[in-house]
Amino acid sequence: MKVELSLFGAFKAHDPGARIELEVPEGARVADLREALDRHAREHWPSYRPELLKVSAFASETAVMRDTEALVPGVAMAVLPPVSGG
């Protein structure tokens, strides 16, 4: 199953379009998408920091999702790194 993933924060700097498409198995969960992004990033992004992905959230078009939740076919996702302000 193909998943369109929007990139935000520090992840956005790795891709000019701020959007990538990843392949995950049918019936995949958010954890599978996290693993697919990690593989993609290690292969394509020289300045990738894996520790940032570990603390980032994933969201559908309507909600922040847990790693155990199933992905819905055809629904775009986003990776949201933590932010801070002052």
PDB file of N, CA and C in Angstrom:
ATOM      1  N   MET A   1       0.856  -1.169   0.000  1.00  0.00           N
ATOM      2  CA  MET A   1       0.000   0.000   0.000  1.00  0.00           C
ATOM      3  C   MET A   1       0.904   1.235   0.000  1.00  0.00           C
ATOM      4  N   LYS A   2       0.586   2.189  -0.824  1.00  0.00           N
ATOM      5  CA  LYS A   2       1.348   3.436  -0.877  1.00  0.00           C
ATOM      6  C   LYS A   2       0.721   4.448   0.079  1.00  0.00           C
ATOM      7  N   VAL A   3       1.596   5.146   0.808  1.00  0.00           N
ATOM      8  CA  VAL A   3       1.141   6.166   1.754  1.00  0.00           C
ATOM      9  C   VAL A   3       1.829   7.482   1.407  1.00  0.00           C
ATOM     10  N   GLU A   4       1.038   8.519   1.217  1.00  0.00           N
ATOM     11  CA  GLU A   4       1.582   9.855   0.995  1.00  0.00           C
ATOM     12  C   GLU A   4       1.858  10.471   2.361  1.00  0.00           C
ATOM     13  N   LEU A   5       3.098  10.898   2.571  1.00  0.00           N
ATOM     14  CA  LEU A   5       3.519  11.416   3.871  1.00  0.00           C
ATOM     15  C   LEU A   5       4.020  12.848   3.720  1.00  0.00           C
ATOM     16  N   SER A   6       3.373  13.770   4.419  1.00  0.00           N
ATOM     17  CA  SER A   6       3.824  15.167   4.444  1.00  0.00           C
ATOM     18  C   SER A   6       4.878  15.317   5.527  1.00  0.00           C
ATOM     19  N   LEU A   7       5.897  16.115   5.223  1.00  0.00           N
ATOM     20  CA  LEU A   7       7.018  16.316   6.134  1.00  0.00           C
ATOM     21  C   LEU A   7       6.938  17.710   6.742  1.00  0.00           C
ATOM     22  N   PHE A   8       7.112  17.790   8.049  1.00  0.00           N
ATOM     23  CA  PHE A   8       7.073  19.071   8.750  1.00  0.00           C
ATOM     24  C   PHE A   8       8.322  19.242   9.598  1.00  0.00           C
ATOM     25  N   GLY A   9       8.556  20.468  10.037  1.00  0.00           N
ATOM     26  CA  GLY A   9       9.687  20.754  10.910  1.00  0.00           C
ATOM     27  C   GLY A   9      11.004  20.375  10.264  1.00  0.00           C
ATOM     28  N   ALA A  10      11.879  19.758  11.045  1.00  0.00           N
ATOM     29  CA  ALA A  10      13.212  19.384  10.566  1.00  0.00           C
ATOM     30  C   ALA A  10      13.156  18.400   9.405  1.00  0.00           C
ATOM     31  N   PHE A  11      12.107  17.595   9.323  1.00  0.00           N
ATOM     32  CA  PHE A  11      11.998  16.631   8.221  1.00  0.00           C
ATOM     33  C   PHE A  11      11.789  17.339   6.880  1.00  0.00           C
ATOM     34  N   LYS A  12      11.131  18.476   6.917  1.00  0.00           N
ATOM     35  CA  LYS A  12      10.832  19.227   5.694  1.00  0.00           C
ATOM     36  C   LYS A  12      12.108  19.648   4.962  1.00  0.00           C
ATOM     37  N   ALA A  13      13.175  19.874   5.706  1.00  0.00           N
ATOM     38  CA  ALA A  13      14.440  20.315   5.104  1.00  0.00           C
ATOM     39  C   ALA A  13      15.075  19.237   4.225  1.00  0.00           C
ATOM     40  N   HIS A  14      14.672  17.989   4.394  1.00  0.00           N
ATOM     41  CA  HIS A  14      15.276  16.887   3.643  1.00  0.00           C
ATOM     42  C   HIS A  14      14.689  16.701   2.248  1.00  0.00           C
ATOM     43  N   ASP A  15      13.521  17.265   2.004  1.00  0.00           N
ATOM     44  CA  ASP A  15      12.867  17.053   0.712  1.00  0.00           C
ATOM     45  C   ASP A  15      12.248  18.357   0.235  1.00  0.00           C
ATOM     46  N   PRO A  16      12.611  18.839  -0.945  1.00  0.00           N
ATOM     47  CA  PRO A  16      12.114  20.126  -1.428  1.00  0.00           C
ATOM     48  C   PRO A  16      10.591  20.209  -1.518  1.00  0.00           C
ATOM     49  N   GLY A  17       9.935  19.111  -1.824  1.00  0.00           N
ATOM     50  CA  GLY A  17       8.483  19.127  -1.935  1.00  0.00           C
ATOM     51  C   GLY A  17       7.771  18.921  -0.617  1.00  0.00           C
ATOM     52  N   ALA A  18       8.517  18.595   0.435  1.00  0.00           N
ATOM     53  CA  ALA A  18       7.974  18.350   1.774  1.00  0.00           C
ATOM     54  C   ALA A  18       6.917  17.247   1.775  1.00  0.00           C
ATOM     55  N   ARG A  19       7.040  16.337   0.805  1.00  0.00           N
ATOM     56  CA  ARG A  19       6.072  15.240   0.707  1.00  0.00           C
ATOM     57  C   ARG A  19       6.758  14.072   0.011  1.00  0.00           C
ATOM     58  N   ILE A  20       6.583  12.881   0.564  1.00  0.00           N
ATOM     59  CA  ILE A  20       7.137  11.682  -0.055  1.00  0.00           C
ATOM     60  C   ILE A  20       6.066  10.602  -0.079  1.00  0.00           C
ATOM     61  N   GLU A  21       6.310   9.590  -0.872  1.00  0.00           N
ATOM     62  CA  GLU A  21       5.403   8.446  -0.931  1.00  0.00           C
ATOM     63  C   GLU A  21       6.193   7.219  -0.490  1.00  0.00           C
ATOM     64  N   LEU A  22       5.634   6.486   0.473  1.00  0.00           N
ATOM     65  CA  LEU A  22       6.292   5.297   1.000  1.00  0.00           C
ATOM     66  C   LEU A  22       5.411   4.080   0.789  1.00  0.00           C
ATOM     67  N   GLU A  23       6.043   2.947   0.646  1.00  0.00           N
ATOM     68  CA  GLU A  23       5.334   1.674   0.479  1.00  0.00           C
ATOM     69  C   GLU A  23       5.335   0.947   1.824  1.00  0.00           C
ATOM     70  N   VAL A  24       4.153   0.529   2.264  1.00  0.00           N
ATOM     71  CA  VAL A  24       4.003  -0.281   3.477  1.00  0.00           C
ATOM     72  C   VAL A  24       3.091  -1.454   3.138  1.00  0.00           C
ATOM     73  N   PRO A  25       3.147  -2.536   3.916  1.00  0.00           N
ATOM     74  CA  PRO A  25       2.284  -3.682   3.627  1.00  0.00           C
ATOM     75  C   PRO A  25       0.806  -3.362   3.859  1.00  0.00           C
ATOM     76  N   GLU A  26      -0.059  -4.074   3.176  1.00  0.00           N
ATOM     77  CA  GLU A  26      -1.497  -3.949   3.441  1.00  0.00           C
ATOM     78  C   GLU A  26      -1.729  -4.266   4.914  1.00  0.00           C
ATOM     79  N   GLY A  27      -2.624  -3.540   5.550  1.00  0.00           N
ATOM     80  CA  GLY A  27      -2.903  -3.758   6.967  1.00  0.00           C
ATOM     81  C   GLY A  27      -1.852  -3.154   7.886  1.00  0.00           C
ATOM     82  N   ALA A  28      -0.993  -2.292   7.343  1.00  0.00           N
ATOM     83  CA  ALA A  28       0.093  -1.699   8.129  1.00  0.00           C
ATOM     84  C   ALA A  28      -0.442  -0.785   9.224  1.00  0.00           C
ATOM     85  N   ARG A  29       0.375  -0.635  10.232  1.00  0.00           N
ATOM     86  CA  ARG A  29       0.083   0.263  11.345  1.00  0.00           C
ATOM     87  C   ARG A  29       1.046   1.454  11.270  1.00  0.00           C
ATOM     88  N   VAL A  30       0.817   2.422  12.118  1.00  0.00           N
ATOM     89  CA  VAL A  30       1.679   3.599  12.147  1.00  0.00           C
ATOM     90  C   VAL A  30       3.130   3.194  12.401  1.00  0.00           C
ATOM     91  N   ALA A  31       3.354   2.200  13.243  1.00  0.00           N
ATOM     92  CA  ALA A  31       4.724   1.730  13.512  1.00  0.00           C
ATOM     93  C   ALA A  31       5.409   1.267  12.227  1.00  0.00           C
ATOM     94  N   ASP A  32       4.660   0.653  11.324  1.00  0.00           N
ATOM     95  CA  ASP A  32       5.225   0.215  10.040  1.00  0.00           C
ATOM     96  C   ASP A  32       5.607   1.418   9.180  1.00  0.00           C
ATOM     97  N   LEU A  33       4.798   2.456   9.228  1.00  0.00           N
ATOM     98  CA  LEU A  33       5.105   3.678   8.486  1.00  0.00           C
ATOM     99  C   LEU A  33       6.353   4.341   9.070  1.00  0.00           C
ATOM    100  N   ARG A  34       6.471   4.335  10.388  1.00  0.00           N
ATOM    101  CA  ARG A  34       7.657   4.891  11.046  1.00  0.00           C
ATOM    102  C   ARG A  34       8.911   4.149  10.568  1.00  0.00           C
ATOM    103  N   GLU A  35       8.845   2.821  10.504  1.00  0.00           N
ATOM    104  CA  GLU A  35       9.981   2.013  10.039  1.00  0.00           C
ATOM    105  C   GLU A  35      10.298   2.295   8.569  1.00  0.00           C
ATOM    106  N   ALA A  36       9.252   2.440   7.750  1.00  0.00           N
ATOM    107  CA  ALA A  36       9.463   2.736   6.327  1.00  0.00           C
ATOM    108  C   ALA A  36      10.134   4.100   6.150  1.00  0.00           C
ATOM    109  N   LEU A  37       9.723   5.072   6.953  1.00  0.00           N
ATOM    110  CA  LEU A  37      10.348   6.392   6.871  1.00  0.00           C
ATOM    111  C   LEU A  37      11.803   6.320   7.325  1.00  0.00           C
ATOM    112  N   ASP A  38      12.078   5.558   8.360  1.00  0.00           N
ATOM    113  CA  ASP A  38      13.454   5.409   8.835  1.00  0.00           C
ATOM    114  C   ASP A  38      14.337   4.810   7.740  1.00  0.00           C
ATOM    115  N   ARG A  39      13.858   3.769   7.076  1.00  0.00           N
ATOM    116  CA  ARG A  39      14.628   3.156   5.982  1.00  0.00           C
ATOM    117  C   ARG A  39      14.874   4.161   4.856  1.00  0.00           C
ATOM    118  N   HIS A  40      13.815   4.871   4.467  1.00  0.00           N
ATOM    119  CA  HIS A  40      13.927   5.867   3.397  1.00  0.00           C
ATOM    120  C   HIS A  40      14.937   6.950   3.783  1.00  0.00           C
ATOM    121  N   ALA A  41      14.825   7.441   4.994  1.00  0.00           N
ATOM    122  CA  ALA A  41      15.689   8.531   5.445  1.00  0.00           C
ATOM    123  C   ALA A  41      17.153   8.109   5.489  1.00  0.00           C
ATOM    124  N   ARG A  42      17.425   6.910   6.000  1.00  0.00           N
ATOM    125  CA  ARG A  42      18.816   6.436   6.072  1.00  0.00           C
ATOM    126  C   ARG A  42      19.422   6.294   4.673  1.00  0.00           C
ATOM    127  N   GLU A  43      18.580   5.970   3.715  1.00  0.00           N
ATOM    128  CA  GLU A  43      19.049   5.766   2.346  1.00  0.00           C
ATOM    129  C   GLU A  43      19.213   7.072   1.561  1.00  0.00           C
ATOM    130  N   HIS A  44      18.354   8.061   1.830  1.00  0.00           N
ATOM    131  CA  HIS A  44      18.299   9.257   0.979  1.00  0.00           C
ATOM    132  C   HIS A  44      18.703  10.573   1.640  1.00  0.00           C
ATOM    133  N   TRP A  45      18.738  10.628   2.956  1.00  0.00           N
ATOM    134  CA  TRP A  45      18.986  11.898   3.632  1.00  0.00           C
ATOM    135  C   TRP A  45      20.292  11.837   4.438  1.00  0.00           C
ATOM    136  N   PRO A  46      21.388  12.333   3.933  1.00  0.00           N
ATOM    137  CA  PRO A  46      22.678  12.238   4.627  1.00  0.00           C
ATOM    138  C   PRO A  46      22.688  12.856   6.030  1.00  0.00           C
ATOM    139  N   SER A  47      21.925  13.914   6.251  1.00  0.00           N
ATOM    140  CA  SER A  47      21.943  14.577   7.563  1.00  0.00           C
ATOM    141  C   SER A  47      20.804  14.117   8.484  1.00  0.00           C
ATOM    142  N   TYR A  48      20.166  13.009   8.138  1.00  0.00           N
ATOM    143  CA  TYR A  48      19.057  12.455   8.930  1.00  0.00           C
ATOM    144  C   TYR A  48      19.508  12.102  10.347  1.00  0.00           C
ATOM    145  N   ARG A  49      18.670  12.440  11.335  1.00  0.00           N
ATOM    146  CA  ARG A  49      18.927  12.106  12.738  1.00  0.00           C
ATOM    147  C   ARG A  49      17.841  11.143  13.222  1.00  0.00           C
ATOM    148  N   PRO A  50      18.144   9.857  13.345  1.00  0.00           N
ATOM    149  CA  PRO A  50      17.141   8.864  13.742  1.00  0.00           C
ATOM    150  C   PRO A  50      16.476   9.161  15.081  1.00  0.00           C
ATOM    151  N   GLU A  51      17.196   9.802  15.989  1.00  0.00           N
ATOM    152  CA  GLU A  51      16.614  10.091  17.304  1.00  0.00           C
ATOM    153  C   GLU A  51      15.426  11.045  17.194  1.00  0.00           C
ATOM    154  N   LEU A  52      15.390  11.885  16.170  1.00  0.00           N
ATOM    155  CA  LEU A  52      14.258  12.786  15.982  1.00  0.00           C
ATOM    156  C   LEU A  52      13.004  12.006  15.593  1.00  0.00           C
ATOM    157  N   LEU A  53      13.160  11.002  14.756  1.00  0.00           N
ATOM    158  CA  LEU A  53      12.007  10.197  14.349  1.00  0.00           C
ATOM    159  C   LEU A  53      11.407   9.463  15.544  1.00  0.00           C
ATOM    160  N   LYS A  54      12.248   9.020  16.462  1.00  0.00           N
ATOM    161  CA  LYS A  54      11.770   8.274  17.638  1.00  0.00           C
ATOM    162  C   LYS A  54      10.812   9.094  18.492  1.00  0.00           C
ATOM    163  N   VAL A  55      10.969  10.408  18.506  1.00  0.00           N
ATOM    164  CA  VAL A  55      10.125  11.259  19.351  1.00  0.00           C
ATOM    165  C   VAL A  55       9.084  12.039  18.542  1.00  0.00           C
ATOM    166  N   SER A  56       8.958  11.726  17.272  1.00  0.00           N
ATOM    167  CA  SER A  56       7.991  12.412  16.412  1.00  0.00           C
ATOM    168  C   SER A  56       6.651  11.690  16.410  1.00  0.00           C
ATOM    169  N   ALA A  57       5.606  12.455  16.173  1.00  0.00           N
ATOM    170  CA  ALA A  57       4.252  11.906  16.083  1.00  0.00           C
ATOM    171  C   ALA A  57       3.864  11.759  14.614  1.00  0.00           C
ATOM    172  N   PHE A  58       2.880  10.901  14.381  1.00  0.00           N
ATOM    173  CA  PHE A  58       2.294  10.753  13.054  1.00  0.00           C
ATOM    174  C   PHE A  58       0.824  11.115  13.157  1.00  0.00           C
ATOM    175  N   ALA A  59       0.331  11.778  12.124  1.00  0.00           N
ATOM    176  CA  ALA A  59      -1.063  12.207  12.132  1.00  0.00           C
ATOM    177  C   ALA A  59      -1.715  11.892  10.796  1.00  0.00           C
ATOM    178  N   SER A  60      -3.010  11.576  10.878  1.00  0.00           N
ATOM    179  CA  SER A  60      -3.818  11.433   9.666  1.00  0.00           C
ATOM    180  C   SER A  60      -4.338  12.821   9.319  1.00  0.00           C
ATOM    181  N   GLU A  61      -5.292  12.881   8.441  1.00  0.00           N
ATOM    182  CA  GLU A  61      -5.880  14.169   8.069  1.00  0.00           C
ATOM    183  C   GLU A  61      -6.721  14.757   9.197  1.00  0.00           C
ATOM    184  N   THR A  62      -7.060  13.919  10.200  1.00  0.00           N
ATOM    185  CA  THR A  62      -7.962  14.391  11.253  1.00  0.00           C
ATOM    186  C   THR A  62      -7.473  14.183  12.676  1.00  0.00           C
ATOM    187  N   ALA A  63      -6.426  13.369  12.895  1.00  0.00           N
ATOM    188  CA  ALA A  63      -6.033  13.062  14.270  1.00  0.00           C
ATOM    189  C   ALA A  63      -4.576  12.633  14.364  1.00  0.00           C
ATOM    190  N   VAL A  64      -3.976  12.880  15.523  1.00  0.00           N
ATOM    191  CA  VAL A  64      -2.664  12.324  15.836  1.00  0.00           C
ATOM    192  C   VAL A  64      -2.891  10.854  16.166  1.00  0.00           C
ATOM    193  N   MET A  65      -2.027   9.995  15.638  1.00  0.00           N
ATOM    194  CA  MET A  65      -2.250   8.550  15.768  1.00  0.00           C
ATOM    195  C   MET A  65      -1.136   7.884  16.565  1.00  0.00           C
ATOM    196  N   ARG A  66      -1.496   6.816  17.251  1.00  0.00           N
ATOM    197  CA  ARG A  66      -0.527   6.008  18.001  1.00  0.00           C
ATOM    198  C   ARG A  66       0.109   4.989  17.065  1.00  0.00           C
ATOM    199  N   ASP A  67       1.279   4.494  17.448  1.00  0.00           N
ATOM    200  CA  ASP A  67       1.985   3.510  16.627  1.00  0.00           C
ATOM    201  C   ASP A  67       1.178   2.238  16.404  1.00  0.00           C
ATOM    202  N   THR A  68       0.276   1.917  17.309  1.00  0.00           N
ATOM    203  CA  THR A  68      -0.504   0.678  17.203  1.00  0.00           C
ATOM    204  C   THR A  68      -1.723   0.803  16.294  1.00  0.00           C
ATOM    205  N   GLU A  69      -2.048   2.007  15.864  1.00  0.00           N
ATOM    206  CA  GLU A  69      -3.240   2.207  15.041  1.00  0.00           C
ATOM    207  C   GLU A  69      -2.989   1.841  13.583  1.00  0.00           C
ATOM    208  N   ALA A  70      -4.011   1.275  12.963  1.00  0.00           N
ATOM    209  CA  ALA A  70      -3.926   0.869  11.559  1.00  0.00           C
ATOM    210  C   ALA A  70      -4.016   2.082  10.639  1.00  0.00           C
ATOM    211  N   LEU A  71      -3.246   2.032   9.568  1.00  0.00           N
ATOM    212  CA  LEU A  71      -3.332   3.061   8.537  1.00  0.00           C
ATOM    213  C   LEU A  71      -4.568   2.804   7.691  1.00  0.00           C
ATOM    214  N   VAL A  72      -5.198   3.866   7.249  1.00  0.00           N
ATOM    215  CA  VAL A  72      -6.387   3.751   6.410  1.00  0.00           C
ATOM    216  C   VAL A  72      -5.956   3.978   4.962  1.00  0.00           C
ATOM    217  N   PRO A  73      -6.221   3.016   4.075  1.00  0.00           N
ATOM    218  CA  PRO A  73      -5.832   3.188   2.671  1.00  0.00           C
ATOM    219  C   PRO A  73      -6.397   4.485   2.089  1.00  0.00           C
ATOM    220  N   GLY A  74      -5.545   5.212   1.370  1.00  0.00           N
ATOM    221  CA  GLY A  74      -5.978   6.436   0.711  1.00  0.00           C
ATOM    222  C   GLY A  74      -5.955   7.682   1.576  1.00  0.00           C
ATOM    223  N   VAL A  75      -5.660   7.538   2.866  1.00  0.00           N
ATOM    224  CA  VAL A  75      -5.625   8.697   3.755  1.00  0.00           C
ATOM    225  C   VAL A  75      -4.185   9.186   3.877  1.00  0.00           C
ATOM    226  N   ALA A  76      -3.959  10.446   3.564  1.00  0.00           N
ATOM    227  CA  ALA A  76      -2.623  11.032   3.671  1.00  0.00           C
ATOM    228  C   ALA A  76      -2.214  11.124   5.133  1.00  0.00           C
ATOM    229  N   MET A  77      -0.914  11.011   5.366  1.00  0.00           N
ATOM    230  CA  MET A  77      -0.363  11.075   6.715  1.00  0.00           C
ATOM    231  C   MET A  77       0.664  12.199   6.778  1.00  0.00           C
ATOM    232  N   ALA A  78       1.052  12.549   8.002  1.00  0.00           N
ATOM    233  CA  ALA A  78       2.087  13.560   8.220  1.00  0.00           C
ATOM    234  C   ALA A  78       2.966  13.116   9.374  1.00  0.00           C
ATOM    235  N   VAL A  79       4.249  13.463   9.301  1.00  0.00           N
ATOM    236  CA  VAL A  79       5.164  13.225  10.415  1.00  0.00           C
ATOM    237  C   VAL A  79       5.409  14.578  11.075  1.00  0.00           C
ATOM    238  N   LEU A  80       5.235  14.612  12.410  1.00  0.00           N
ATOM    239  CA  LEU A  80       5.289  15.859  13.163  1.00  0.00           C
ATOM    240  C   LEU A  80       6.371  15.780  14.234  1.00  0.00           C
ATOM    241  N   PRO A  81       7.531  16.370  13.994  1.00  0.00           N
ATOM    242  CA  PRO A  81       8.561  16.363  15.026  1.00  0.00           C
ATOM    243  C   PRO A  81       8.149  17.280  16.178  1.00  0.00           C
ATOM    244  N   PRO A  82       8.732  17.062  17.359  1.00  0.00           N
ATOM    245  CA  PRO A  82       8.403  17.947  18.478  1.00  0.00           C
ATOM    246  C   PRO A  82       8.869  19.373  18.179  1.00  0.00           C
ATOM    247  N   VAL A  83       8.195  20.326  18.774  1.00  0.00           N
ATOM    248  CA  VAL A  83       8.563  21.732  18.604  1.00  0.00           C
ATOM    249  C   VAL A  83       8.752  22.356  19.979  1.00  0.00           C
ATOM    250  N   SER A  84       9.457  23.451  20.009  1.00  0.00           N
ATOM    251  CA  SER A  84       9.597  24.186  21.265  1.00  0.00           C
ATOM    252  C   SER A  84       9.531  25.665  20.951  1.00  0.00           C
ATOM    253  N   GLY A  85       9.222  26.410  21.924  1.00  0.00           N
ATOM    254  CA  GLY A  85       9.136  27.847  21.737  1.00  0.00           C
ATOM    255  C   GLY A  85       9.635  28.551  22.985  1.00  0.00           C
ATOM    256  N   GLY A  86       9.639  29.815  22.913  1.00  0.00           N
ATOM    257  CA  GLY A  86      10.150  30.511  24.082  1.00  0.00           C
ATOM    258  C   GLY A  86       9.618  31.898  24.161  1.00  0.00           C
TER     259      GLY A  86
END
